Amino acid sequence: MDTDSAVLEVPESERIEANELPADILAPSAAAKNYQESDVFAWANNLVQFKDELKIELFLINKNYVVYKTNLGAELNKQLEPIFIDEMLEYVLNGAAEGLIVRGFEEAEAESKVLQRTLLDNVEKLKETLNWINHQSSEIEMFVEEEHDFKRIKGIMAKVSHPQMKKSFYTFKVLPQSSIMRGKTGWMLRSGKFMGFDADAAVRIPTDPQLLLLDQDLYVFNQTKLKQLFSYDAKEASIARSKIAEIEANFRLSFDGDNTLQTLIKDKKSLIKKLQKIVPGAVRQEELLQHAEDLEIELMQDEAGAIIIMDDKDLAKFINLMNDDYHESALTGQRYEIIKKKLLKPEEDEETKLLKEVL
């Protein structure tokens, strides 16, 4: 895959083995044998010498992750590097002098002097976007407002290259609708006089550093922008992976074909949120199967007694059972799937209430 970066080659003796990598930068398939950790500080130092001679190609990304080419006027060339490179480069170079460190999302929350990072393979919508560049470039259309509509544009991607850089790198920015002005509703001020806006649309590009892709590593300068642009909540995904490991350790599961718990849970936001609340060790497999039978919820088993998960519907039933989301009313005998529940706390006795009032 042509996801490029300007990074230093790592000697064979210093390469990190897959089983030594932090969990958040391992591919779900564990196929990270060829992974080499990038060095964002080396990238920044190397880039300084090419800063004024970079080739920057811009692409727009819509809400469905369809990518469009852009046709830029020559007068904009001088603005590209300040908008897409300068603040990001300054952040890394100044950070290196001030003790900035890089951490995977699994290691800690965002904090001062910490640049967070995750693996490209973890962010499905980013991979989908890059697929246009790497494998469908001939199908990428030129963006035309009348045909494609700026209202549907979600973000902008810059592919940055130079003849003396081994690989290109990518930067990404969210384009909020508030930064886009359309010709039909816009006014402009010229020589002290308001006039009709004589363009199809105008856009203000944010200059703050947001997302940087170096080879397989996505550096996240702003975690909110990662979620907004690629619908990826790194902490949520991290917790989900941890819960998946616990489930696999506590339950015997059998999947259809190449499916795994990890692949079936991808992009299932409601199930991922439920995973965060589950305590897999709180119930045994036999208890869960008996509970399913009592509620007439069908869970199939193979000859070895493993629970068969054929598809995401089976997975939803399994997770709902673990999260205790099925209920049979003692009053009516009706069975329900609970969408949202709140645990009732026992009422305090009068002595406890009085004690709290005194304190």
Protein backbone atom coordinates (compact mmCIF):
# COMPACT_ATOMS: atom_id res chain seq x y z
CA MET A 1 0.00 0.00 0.00
CA ASP A 2 1.39 3.40 -0.97
CA THR A 3 0.97 5.08 2.37
CA ASP A 4 4.25 6.91 2.42
CA SER A 5 6.38 8.84 4.86
CA ALA A 6 9.74 10.50 5.15
CA VAL A 7 11.25 8.44 7.96
CA LEU A 8 14.66 7.01 8.71
CA GLU A 9 15.36 3.34 7.94
CA VAL A 10 15.55 1.27 11.12
CA PRO A 11 18.49 -1.17 11.30
CA GLU A 12 17.53 -4.84 11.42
CA SER A 13 19.08 -5.21 14.88
CA GLU A 14 16.89 -2.42 16.28
CA ARG A 15 13.58 -3.48 14.78
CA ILE A 16 10.82 -4.17 17.26
CA GLU A 17 9.22 -7.59 17.09
CA ALA A 18 5.41 -7.73 16.77
CA ASN A 19 4.97 -9.29 20.21
CA GLU A 20 6.89 -6.40 21.80
CA LEU A 21 4.67 -3.67 20.35
CA PRO A 22 2.02 -1.85 22.39
CA ALA A 23 -1.39 -3.42 21.77
CA ASP A 24 -2.84 -0.37 20.03
CA ILE A 25 -0.39 -0.55 17.13
CA LEU A 26 -0.85 -4.21 16.38
CA ALA A 27 -3.04 -5.07 13.42
CA PRO A 28 -6.12 -7.02 14.52
CA SER A 29 -4.92 -9.86 12.32
CA ALA A 30 -1.58 -9.85 14.18
CA ALA A 31 0.04 -9.44 10.76
CA ALA A 32 2.38 -6.69 11.92
CA LYS A 33 5.58 -8.61 11.22
CA ASN A 34 6.71 -6.02 8.66
CA TYR A 35 5.73 -3.09 10.84
CA GLN A 36 8.48 -0.60 11.64
CA GLU A 37 7.74 2.17 14.08
CA SER A 38 8.07 5.58 12.47
CA ASP A 39 9.97 8.43 14.11
CA VAL A 40 8.00 11.67 13.96
CA PHE A 41 10.98 13.65 15.26
CA ALA A 42 13.28 12.34 12.52
CA TRP A 43 10.49 13.08 10.02
CA ALA A 44 10.32 16.69 11.19
CA ASN A 45 14.09 17.17 11.08
CA ASN A 46 14.32 15.67 7.58
CA LEU A 47 11.41 17.72 6.31
CA VAL A 48 12.94 21.10 7.18
CA GLN A 49 15.36 20.92 4.24
CA PHE A 50 12.52 20.27 1.76
CA LYS A 51 9.92 22.54 3.35
CA ASP A 52 9.78 25.14 0.57
CA GLU A 53 9.90 22.63 -2.31
CA LEU A 54 7.18 20.18 -1.39
CA LYS A 55 4.55 18.93 -3.82
CA ILE A 56 1.16 19.08 -2.10
CA GLU A 57 -1.91 17.49 -3.69
CA LEU A 58 -5.29 18.18 -2.08
CA PHE A 59 -8.27 15.83 -1.96
CA LEU A 60 -11.73 16.36 -0.47
CA ILE A 61 -13.41 13.60 1.57
CA ASN A 62 -17.19 13.42 1.73
CA LYS A 63 -19.45 11.93 4.39
CA ASN A 64 -19.40 8.54 2.65
CA TYR A 65 -15.59 8.61 2.41
CA VAL A 66 -15.61 9.17 -1.33
CA VAL A 67 -12.50 11.10 -2.36
CA TYR A 68 -12.41 13.95 -4.90
CA LYS A 69 -9.52 15.70 -6.63
CA THR A 70 -9.19 19.47 -6.40
CA ASN A 71 -8.19 21.93 -9.11
CA LEU A 72 -6.06 24.65 -7.52
CA GLY A 73 -5.17 28.06 -8.88
CA ALA A 74 -1.42 28.72 -9.15
CA GLU A 75 -1.68 31.59 -6.66
CA LEU A 76 -2.63 29.10 -3.92
CA ASN A 77 0.62 27.12 -4.14
CA LYS A 78 2.40 29.45 -1.72
CA GLN A 79 -0.38 29.03 0.83
CA LEU A 80 -0.40 25.23 0.95
CA GLU A 81 2.76 24.68 2.95
CA PRO A 82 1.89 27.25 5.68
CA ILE A 83 -1.63 25.81 6.03
CA PHE A 84 -0.86 22.08 5.97
CA ILE A 85 2.75 21.81 7.20
CA ASP A 86 4.02 24.76 9.24
CA GLU A 87 2.10 24.45 12.52
CA MET A 88 2.44 20.67 12.58
CA LEU A 89 6.18 20.90 11.97
CA GLU A 90 6.56 23.61 14.60
CA TYR A 91 4.60 21.55 17.12
CA VAL A 92 6.91 18.55 16.71
CA LEU A 93 10.21 20.48 16.58
CA ASN A 94 9.36 22.67 19.57
CA GLY A 95 7.99 19.64 21.36
CA ALA A 96 11.27 17.76 20.87
CA ALA A 97 13.09 20.57 22.64
CA GLU A 98 10.53 20.64 25.46
CA GLY A 99 10.36 16.90 26.15
CA LEU A 100 7.41 15.89 23.97
CA ILE A 101 6.93 12.11 23.93
CA VAL A 102 4.87 9.78 21.72
CA ARG A 103 2.46 7.28 23.27
CA GLY A 104 -0.03 4.77 21.98
CA PHE A 105 -3.64 5.39 22.95
CA GLU A 106 -3.61 2.31 25.18
CA GLU A 107 -0.81 3.64 27.32
CA ALA A 108 -2.37 6.83 28.68
CA GLU A 109 -4.93 9.57 28.28
CA ALA A 110 -4.06 12.68 26.29
CA GLU A 111 -1.99 15.10 28.36
CA SER A 112 0.49 17.93 28.02
CA LYS A 113 3.69 17.08 26.13
CA VAL A 114 2.26 13.79 24.85
CA LEU A 115 1.55 13.12 21.17
CA GLN A 116 -0.77 10.16 20.73
CA ARG A 117 -0.53 7.59 17.98
CA THR A 118 -2.37 4.58 16.65
CA LEU A 119 -1.93 2.19 13.76
CA LEU A 120 -3.48 2.94 10.37
CA ASP A 121 -4.96 -0.56 10.34
CA ASN A 122 -7.05 0.30 13.40
CA VAL A 123 -8.93 3.12 11.65
CA GLU A 124 -11.24 1.51 9.10
CA LYS A 125 -12.57 4.72 7.55
CA LEU A 126 -9.04 6.04 7.04
CA LYS A 127 -8.09 2.82 5.23
CA GLU A 128 -11.22 3.21 3.12
CA THR A 129 -10.17 6.76 2.22
CA LEU A 130 -6.61 5.79 1.30
CA ASN A 131 -7.91 2.96 -0.85
CA TRP A 132 -9.08 5.60 -3.31
CA ILE A 133 -5.55 6.99 -3.61
CA ASN A 134 -3.77 3.64 -3.74
CA HIS A 135 -6.12 1.46 -5.76
CA GLN A 136 -8.85 3.59 -7.33
CA SER A 137 -6.98 6.72 -8.40
CA SER A 138 -8.33 6.49 -11.95
CA GLU A 139 -11.88 6.66 -10.56
CA ILE A 140 -11.34 9.82 -8.50
CA GLU A 141 -13.44 12.64 -9.93
CA MET A 142 -12.59 16.32 -9.92
CA PHE A 143 -14.75 18.10 -7.34
CA VAL A 144 -17.45 20.29 -8.88
CA GLU A 145 -19.80 22.11 -6.48
CA GLU A 146 -22.87 21.75 -8.72
CA GLU A 147 -22.41 17.97 -8.94
CA HIS A 148 -20.91 16.99 -5.59
CA ASP A 149 -22.15 19.63 -3.09
CA PHE A 150 -19.91 21.14 -0.43
CA LYS A 151 -22.56 20.32 2.17
CA ARG A 152 -21.46 16.69 1.96
CA ILE A 153 -17.74 17.38 2.35
CA LYS A 154 -16.34 16.23 5.69
CA GLY A 155 -12.61 16.79 5.46
CA ILE A 156 -9.57 17.56 3.38
CA MET A 157 -6.47 15.41 2.79
CA ALA A 158 -3.07 16.62 1.67
CA LYS A 159 -0.66 14.17 0.05
CA VAL A 160 2.85 15.59 0.45
CA SER A 161 5.87 14.41 -1.54
CA HIS A 162 9.34 15.44 -2.71
CA PRO A 163 11.74 13.74 -5.17
CA GLN A 164 14.35 13.26 -2.43
CA MET A 165 11.92 11.79 0.09
CA LYS A 166 11.58 8.00 -0.12
CA LYS A 167 7.87 8.12 0.64
CA SER A 168 5.05 10.62 0.80
CA PHE A 169 3.07 11.44 3.92
CA TYR A 170 -0.50 12.59 4.48
CA THR A 171 -2.13 15.24 6.63
CA PHE A 172 -5.85 15.45 7.31
CA LYS A 173 -8.13 18.21 8.54
CA VAL A 174 -11.82 18.38 9.39
CA LEU A 175 -13.77 20.93 7.33
CA PRO A 176 -16.67 22.11 9.52
CA GLN A 177 -19.67 23.40 7.59
CA SER A 178 -19.29 26.72 9.42
CA SER A 179 -16.04 27.27 7.50
CA ILE A 180 -17.81 26.95 4.12
CA MET A 181 -19.67 29.86 2.50
CA ARG A 182 -21.85 29.32 -0.54
CA GLY A 183 -22.42 31.83 -3.30
CA LYS A 184 -26.21 32.00 -2.94
CA THR A 185 -26.10 33.11 0.70
CA GLY A 186 -22.74 34.91 0.96
CA TRP A 187 -21.97 38.61 0.85
CA MET A 188 -18.56 40.15 0.46
CA LEU A 189 -17.23 43.55 1.48
CA ARG A 190 -15.28 45.49 -1.12
CA SER A 191 -14.17 49.13 -0.80
CA GLY A 192 -16.55 49.63 2.10
CA LYS A 193 -19.54 48.30 0.18
CA PHE A 194 -21.35 44.97 0.57
CA MET A 195 -21.72 43.10 -2.68
CA GLY A 196 -23.10 39.77 -3.82
CA PHE A 197 -20.65 36.88 -3.48
CA ASP A 198 -19.61 36.03 -7.04
CA ALA A 199 -18.27 32.50 -6.51
CA ASP A 200 -19.83 29.05 -6.15
CA ALA A 201 -18.40 28.66 -2.66
CA ALA A 202 -15.55 29.71 -0.40
CA VAL A 203 -13.80 27.71 2.29
CA ARG A 204 -11.57 28.64 5.20
CA ILE A 205 -8.97 25.91 5.85
CA PRO A 206 -7.99 25.48 9.53
CA THR A 207 -4.25 25.71 10.16
CA ASP A 208 -4.08 23.84 13.47
CA PRO A 209 -2.31 20.42 13.40
CA GLN A 210 -4.86 17.61 13.47
CA LEU A 211 -3.83 14.27 11.91
CA LEU A 212 -0.58 13.08 10.33
CA LEU A 213 -0.02 9.72 8.64
CA LEU A 214 3.56 8.45 8.38
CA ASP A 215 3.60 5.04 6.74
CA GLN A 216 1.51 2.83 9.11
CA ASP A 217 1.42 5.27 12.03
CA LEU A 218 -1.33 7.85 12.51
CA TYR A 219 -0.21 10.70 14.78
CA VAL A 220 -3.18 12.35 16.45
CA PHE A 221 -2.64 15.97 17.43
CA ASN A 222 -6.36 16.41 18.13
CA GLN A 223 -8.32 13.34 19.26
CA THR A 224 -11.68 15.06 18.67
CA LYS A 225 -10.82 15.58 14.99
CA LEU A 226 -9.98 11.89 14.61
CA LYS A 227 -13.45 10.97 15.83
CA GLN A 228 -15.16 13.66 13.74
CA LEU A 229 -13.40 12.79 10.49
CA PHE A 230 -12.97 9.02 10.66
CA SER A 231 -15.54 8.05 13.32
CA TYR A 232 -12.81 6.43 15.39
CA ASP A 233 -12.83 6.77 19.16
CA ALA A 234 -9.44 5.45 20.14
CA LYS A 235 -10.24 4.97 23.82
CA GLU A 236 -13.53 3.28 23.05
CA ALA A 237 -11.81 0.96 20.58
CA SER A 238 -9.05 0.24 23.09
CA ILE A 239 -11.56 -0.77 25.76
CA ALA A 240 -13.43 -2.90 23.22
CA ARG A 241 -10.23 -4.79 22.31
CA SER A 242 -9.53 -5.40 25.99
CA LYS A 243 -13.06 -6.69 26.56
CA ILE A 244 -12.79 -8.95 23.51
CA ALA A 245 -9.66 -10.53 24.97
CA GLU A 246 -11.51 -11.16 28.27
CA ILE A 247 -14.50 -12.67 26.47
CA GLU A 248 -12.27 -14.99 24.45
CA ALA A 249 -10.58 -16.08 27.69
CA ASN A 250 -13.88 -16.81 29.46
CA PHE A 251 -16.11 -18.22 26.69
CA ARG A 252 -15.75 -20.90 24.05
CA LEU A 253 -16.88 -19.40 20.75
CA SER A 254 -17.04 -20.80 17.22
CA PHE A 255 -17.14 -18.43 14.24
CA ASP A 256 -18.25 -18.92 10.65
CA GLY A 257 -15.54 -18.76 7.96
CA ASP A 258 -12.94 -16.03 8.47
CA ASN A 259 -15.05 -14.13 10.99
CA THR A 260 -13.68 -13.33 14.42
CA LEU A 261 -15.06 -11.43 17.38
CA GLN A 262 -12.83 -8.52 16.34
CA THR A 263 -14.02 -8.39 12.72
CA LEU A 264 -17.71 -8.74 13.60
CA ILE A 265 -17.63 -5.95 16.18
CA LYS A 266 -16.09 -3.38 13.81
CA ASP A 267 -18.30 -0.34 13.13
CA LYS A 268 -21.02 -1.68 15.47
CA LYS A 269 -21.13 1.37 17.73
CA SER A 270 -24.00 0.21 19.93
CA LEU A 271 -22.34 -3.16 20.58
CA ILE A 272 -18.97 -1.52 21.26
CA LYS A 273 -20.60 0.71 23.90
CA LYS A 274 -22.18 -2.33 25.52
CA LEU A 275 -18.79 -4.09 25.57
CA GLN A 276 -17.42 -1.30 27.74
CA LYS A 277 -19.95 -2.11 30.48
CA ILE A 278 -19.62 -5.90 30.40
CA VAL A 279 -17.71 -7.87 33.04
CA PRO A 280 -17.03 -11.14 31.12
CA GLY A 281 -15.98 -13.09 34.21
CA ALA A 282 -19.20 -12.28 36.08
CA VAL A 283 -21.13 -15.10 34.37
CA ARG A 284 -20.09 -18.57 33.24
CA GLN A 285 -20.85 -20.00 29.80
CA GLU A 286 -23.25 -22.61 31.20
CA GLU A 287 -25.19 -19.94 33.10
CA LEU A 288 -25.47 -17.76 30.03
CA LEU A 289 -26.71 -20.66 27.89
CA GLN A 290 -29.29 -21.60 30.54
CA HIS A 291 -30.46 -17.99 30.75
CA ALA A 292 -30.82 -17.88 26.95
CA GLU A 293 -32.85 -21.10 27.02
CA ASP A 294 -35.13 -19.75 29.77
CA LEU A 295 -35.83 -16.65 27.68
CA GLU A 296 -36.17 -18.69 24.47
CA ILE A 297 -33.23 -16.82 22.91
CA GLU A 298 -31.63 -19.19 20.43
CA LEU A 299 -27.89 -19.70 20.82
CA MET A 300 -26.50 -22.63 18.84
CA GLN A 301 -23.62 -24.81 20.03
CA ASP A 302 -21.20 -26.96 18.08
CA GLU A 303 -20.27 -30.55 18.97
CA ALA A 304 -17.55 -29.32 21.33
CA GLY A 305 -19.98 -27.11 23.23
CA ALA A 306 -18.75 -23.80 21.82
CA ILE A 307 -21.31 -21.07 21.14
CA ILE A 308 -21.71 -20.63 17.38
CA ILE A 309 -21.52 -17.03 16.13
CA MET A 310 -22.53 -17.06 12.47
CA ASP A 311 -22.99 -13.32 11.94
CA ASP A 312 -23.47 -9.96 13.66
CA LYS A 313 -27.04 -10.93 14.67
CA ASP A 314 -25.73 -13.89 16.66
CA LEU A 315 -23.06 -11.61 18.14
CA ALA A 316 -25.69 -9.06 19.19
CA LYS A 317 -27.68 -11.79 20.99
CA PHE A 318 -24.53 -13.03 22.75
CA ILE A 319 -23.51 -9.53 23.90
CA ASN A 320 -27.06 -8.65 24.96
CA LEU A 321 -27.17 -11.78 27.10
CA MET A 322 -23.85 -10.94 28.74
CA ASN A 323 -25.05 -7.37 29.35
CA ASP A 324 -28.32 -8.70 30.84
CA ASP A 325 -30.37 -6.84 28.24
CA TYR A 326 -33.19 -9.38 28.00
CA HIS A 327 -35.97 -9.37 30.58
CA GLU A 328 -39.17 -11.35 31.15
CA SER A 329 -41.85 -9.44 33.01
CA ALA A 330 -43.11 -11.23 36.13
CA LEU A 331 -46.33 -9.25 35.73
CA THR A 332 -47.26 -9.97 32.10
CA GLY A 333 -44.90 -12.75 31.03
CA GLN A 334 -43.81 -10.59 28.08
CA ARG A 335 -40.12 -10.71 27.10
CA TYR A 336 -38.26 -7.49 26.31
CA GLU A 337 -34.91 -6.34 24.97
CA ILE A 338 -33.86 -3.46 27.19
CA ILE A 339 -32.40 -0.57 25.20
CA LYS A 340 -31.39 1.52 28.21
CA LYS A 341 -31.43 0.61 31.87
CA LYS A 342 -30.56 2.24 35.15
CA LEU A 343 -29.53 0.21 38.17
CA LEU A 344 -31.83 0.88 41.13
CA LYS A 345 -30.06 1.55 44.41
CA PRO A 346 -31.59 0.31 47.67
CA GLU A 347 -33.30 3.02 49.69
CA GLU A 348 -31.40 4.29 52.71
CA ASP A 349 -32.85 3.66 56.14
CA GLU A 350 -33.75 6.59 58.42
CA GLU A 351 -30.62 6.16 60.56
CA THR A 352 -28.30 6.48 57.53
CA LYS A 353 -30.20 9.56 56.29
CA LEU A 354 -29.92 11.19 59.71
CA LEU A 355 -26.19 10.44 59.90
CA LYS A 356 -25.62 12.10 56.48
CA GLU A 357 -27.53 15.18 57.59
CA VAL A 358 -25.40 15.48 60.74
CA LEU A 359 -22.16 15.13 58.73
